[in-house]
C-alpha atoms as a PDB file:
ATOM      1  CA  UNK A   1       0.000   0.000   0.000  1.00  0.00           C
ATOM      2  CA  UNK A   2       2.866   2.387   0.814  1.00  0.00           C
ATOM      3  CA  UNK A   3       4.350   1.618  -2.617  1.00  0.00           C
ATOM      4  CA  UNK A   4       1.111   2.758  -4.298  1.00  0.00           C
ATOM      5  CA  UNK A   5       1.163   6.023  -2.323  1.00  0.00           C
ATOM      6  CA  UNK A   6       4.747   6.672  -3.410  1.00  0.00           C
ATOM      7  CA  UNK A   7       3.813   6.082  -7.029  1.00  0.00           C
ATOM      8  CA  UNK A   8       0.937   8.543  -6.726  1.00  0.00           C
ATOM      9  CA  UNK A   9       3.218  11.157  -5.155  1.00  0.00           C
ATOM     10  CA  UNK A  10       5.918  10.685  -7.803  1.00  0.00           C
ATOM     11  CA  UNK A  11       3.330  10.799 -10.582  1.00  0.00           C
ATOM     12  CA  UNK A  12       1.875  13.989  -9.087  1.00  0.00           C
ATOM     13  CA  UNK A  13       5.311  15.598  -8.969  1.00  0.00           C
ATOM     14  CA  UNK A  14       6.002  14.628 -12.583  1.00  0.00           C
ATOM     15  CA  UNK A  15       2.654  16.059 -13.670  1.00  0.00           C
ATOM     16  CA  UNK A  16       3.343  19.281 -11.780  1.00  0.00           C
ATOM     17  CA  UNK A  17       6.781  19.578 -13.400  1.00  0.00           C
ATOM     18  CA  UNK A  18       5.353  18.938 -16.880  1.00  0.00           C
ATOM     19  CA  UNK A  19       2.621  21.546 -16.399  1.00  0.00           C
ATOM     20  CA  UNK A  20       5.171  24.095 -15.173  1.00  0.00           C
ATOM     21  CA  UNK A  21       7.426  23.421 -18.171  1.00  0.00           C
ATOM     22  CA  UNK A  22       4.532  23.751 -20.613  1.00  0.00           C
ATOM     23  CA  UNK A  23       3.483  27.065 -19.085  1.00  0.00           C
ATOM     24  CA  UNK A  24       7.011  28.420 -19.478  1.00  0.00           C
ATOM     25  CA  UNK A  25       7.100  27.258 -23.100  1.00  0.00           C
ATOM     26  CA  UNK A  26       3.760  28.969 -23.785  1.00  0.00           C
ATOM     27  CA  UNK A  27       5.147  32.277 -22.523  1.00  0.00           C
ATOM     28  CA  UNK A  28       8.047  32.009 -24.990  1.00  0.00           C
ATOM     29  CA  UNK A  29       5.731  31.262 -27.913  1.00  0.00           C
ATOM     30  CA  UNK A  30       4.258  34.780 -28.009  1.00  0.00           C
ATOM     31  CA  UNK A  31       0.691  33.909 -28.956  1.00  0.00           C
ATOM     32  CA  UNK A  32      -1.252  36.454 -30.997  1.00  0.00           C
ATOM     33  CA  UNK A  33      -4.998  36.822 -31.513  1.00  0.00           C
ATOM     34  CA  UNK A  34      -4.926  36.555 -35.289  1.00  0.00           C
ATOM     35  CA  UNK A  35      -2.189  33.968 -35.773  1.00  0.00           C
ATOM     36  CA  UNK A  36      -1.482  31.632 -32.882  1.00  0.00           C
ATOM     37  CA  UNK A  37       2.068  30.406 -32.523  1.00  0.00           C
ATOM     38  CA  UNK A  38       5.548  31.790 -32.364  1.00  0.00           C
ATOM     39  CA  UNK A  39       6.440  34.613 -34.729  1.00  0.00           C
ATOM     40  CA  UNK A  40      10.139  35.570 -34.694  1.00  0.00           C
ATOM     41  CA  UNK A  41      10.755  39.315 -34.449  1.00  0.00           C
ATOM     42  CA  UNK A  42      13.142  39.156 -37.434  1.00  0.00           C
ATOM     43  CA  UNK A  43      10.821  36.945 -39.495  1.00  0.00           C
ATOM     44  CA  UNK A  44      11.077  33.247 -40.301  1.00  0.00           C
ATOM     45  CA  UNK A  45      13.844  33.909 -42.847  1.00  0.00           C
ATOM     46  CA  UNK A  46      15.960  36.509 -41.046  1.00  0.00           C
ATOM     47  CA  UNK A  47      19.203  36.312 -43.010  1.00  0.00           C
ATOM     48  CA  UNK A  48      20.950  35.355 -46.243  1.00  0.00           C
ATOM     49  CA  UNK A  49      22.118  31.984 -44.931  1.00  0.00           C
ATOM     50  CA  UNK A  50      18.585  30.929 -43.998  1.00  0.00           C
ATOM     51  CA  UNK A  51      17.197  32.153 -47.331  1.00  0.00           C
ATOM     52  CA  UNK A  52      19.730  30.065 -49.250  1.00  0.00           C
ATOM     53  CA  UNK A  53      19.000  26.982 -47.121  1.00  0.00           C
ATOM     54  CA  UNK A  54      15.248  27.360 -47.735  1.00  0.00           C
ATOM     55  CA  UNK A  55      15.783  27.854 -51.475  1.00  0.00           C
ATOM     56  CA  UNK A  56      17.951  24.731 -51.729  1.00  0.00           C
ATOM     57  CA  UNK A  57      15.340  22.742 -49.803  1.00  0.00           C
ATOM     58  CA  UNK A  58      12.660  23.911 -52.249  1.00  0.00           C
ATOM     59  CA  UNK A  59      14.725  23.405 -55.410  1.00  0.00           C
ATOM     60  CA  UNK A  60      16.090  19.931 -54.651  1.00  0.00           C
ATOM     61  CA  UNK A  61      12.800  18.018 -55.089  1.00  0.00           C
ATOM     62  CA  UNK A  62      12.095  19.990 -58.289  1.00  0.00           C
ATOM     63  CA  UNK A  63      15.461  19.804 -60.068  1.00  0.00           C
ATOM     64  CA  UNK A  64      17.271  17.009 -58.234  1.00  0.00           C
ATOM     65  CA  UNK A  65      20.330  17.124 -56.042  1.00  0.00           C
ATOM     66  CA  UNK A  66      22.922  17.012 -58.844  1.00  0.00           C
ATOM     67  CA  UNK A  67      21.344  19.883 -60.794  1.00  0.00           C
ATOM     68  CA  UNK A  68      21.028  22.061 -57.677  1.00  0.00           C
ATOM     69  CA  UNK A  69      24.634  21.314 -56.685  1.00  0.00           C
ATOM     70  CA  UNK A  70      25.780  22.351 -60.178  1.00  0.00           C
ATOM     71  CA  UNK A  71      24.311  25.843 -59.613  1.00  0.00           C
ATOM     72  CA  UNK A  72      26.396  26.625 -56.519  1.00  0.00           C
ATOM     73  CA  UNK A  73      27.123  29.089 -55.120  1.00  0.00           C
ATOM     74  CA  UNK A  74      23.674  30.535 -54.469  1.00  0.00           C
ATOM     75  CA  UNK A  75      23.399  34.278 -53.902  1.00  0.00           C
ATOM     76  CA  UNK A  76      20.629  35.852 -51.795  1.00  0.00           C
ATOM     77  CA  UNK A  77      19.521  39.479 -52.033  1.00  0.00           C
ATOM     78  CA  UNK A  78      16.893  41.221 -49.915  1.00  0.00           C
ATOM     79  CA  UNK A  79      14.453  43.854 -51.148  1.00  0.00           C
ATOM     80  CA  UNK A  80      10.904  44.912 -50.230  1.00  0.00           C
ATOM     81  CA  UNK A  81      10.408  42.239 -47.580  1.00  0.00           C
ATOM     82  CA  UNK A  82      11.470  39.323 -49.727  1.00  0.00           C
ATOM     83  CA  UNK A  83      14.592  37.324 -50.395  1.00  0.00           C
ATOM     84  CA  UNK A  84      15.550  36.466 -53.962  1.00  0.00           C
ATOM     85  CA  UNK A  85      17.926  33.518 -54.140  1.00  0.00           C
ATOM     86  CA  UNK A  86      19.653  32.691 -57.432  1.00  0.00           C
ATOM     87  CA  UNK A  87      22.093  30.019 -58.452  1.00  0.00           C
ATOM     88  CA  UNK A  88      25.170  30.802 -60.529  1.00  0.00           C
ATOM     89  CA  UNK A  89      26.144  29.456 -63.926  1.00  0.00           C
ATOM     90  CA  UNK A  90      29.669  28.329 -64.691  1.00  0.00           C
ATOM     91  CA  UNK A  91      31.290  30.499 -67.343  1.00  0.00           C
ATOM     92  CA  UNK A  92      31.668  27.529 -69.697  1.00  0.00           C
ATOM     93  CA  UNK A  93      27.946  26.635 -69.578  1.00  0.00           C
ATOM     94  CA  UNK A  94      24.926  28.050 -71.389  1.00  0.00           C
ATOM     95  CA  UNK A  95      21.462  28.131 -69.842  1.00  0.00           C
ATOM     96  CA  UNK A  96      19.553  29.498 -66.916  1.00  0.00           C
ATOM     97  CA  UNK A  97      19.786  29.315 -63.172  1.00  0.00           C
ATOM     98  CA  UNK A  98      17.063  28.556 -60.628  1.00  0.00           C
ATOM     99  CA  UNK A  99      15.565  31.452 -58.704  1.00  0.00           C
ATOM    100  CA  UNK A 100      13.394  31.379 -55.584  1.00  0.00           C
ATOM    101  CA  UNK A 101      11.596  34.311 -53.946  1.00  0.00           C
ATOM    102  CA  UNK A 102      10.808  33.928 -50.251  1.00  0.00           C
ATOM    103  CA  UNK A 103       8.888  36.139 -47.812  1.00  0.00           C
ATOM    104  CA  UNK A 104      11.181  37.176 -44.954  1.00  0.00           C
ATOM    105  CA  UNK A 105       8.301  37.535 -42.514  1.00  0.00           C
ATOM    106  CA  UNK A 106       6.391  34.309 -43.178  1.00  0.00           C
ATOM    107  CA  UNK A 107       8.894  32.077 -44.971  1.00  0.00           C
ATOM    108  CA  UNK A 108       6.302  31.561 -47.702  1.00  0.00           C
ATOM    109  CA  UNK A 109       7.651  30.630 -51.127  1.00  0.00           C
ATOM    110  CA  UNK A 110       6.461  33.402 -53.436  1.00  0.00           C
ATOM    111  CA  UNK A 111       7.933  32.199 -56.716  1.00  0.00           C
ATOM    112  CA  UNK A 112      10.151  29.491 -58.204  1.00  0.00           C
ATOM    113  CA  UNK A 113      11.516  30.079 -61.673  1.00  0.00           C
ATOM    114  CA  UNK A 114      14.524  29.681 -63.919  1.00  0.00           C
ATOM    115  CA  UNK A 115      16.278  32.755 -65.313  1.00  0.00           C
ATOM    116  CA  UNK A 116      18.042  32.811 -68.667  1.00  0.00           C
END
């Protein structure tokens, strides 16, 4: 019987700890009325490195790993709230390079195309 009481006490402590941890996590998630969830102050794509990583992740299923790798390095530029990420073309090749436009704030993919 004492063993059962100890289990109940331990279980109660674990539950209390879990609830406390969840409450702390909720405070960090900065809930909003219109869009629940965490919204980073610098947007979901805050810098050039992140923009390039997102673009590569989007392009790989479309063009394949080898084709994406052949367009390295990728260059990211920021203007009017969006990142434009373009691959580069070797000087001995003819053709276009992939281009991805990404919203800095939401991380939404705005456009995927190939430039000539």
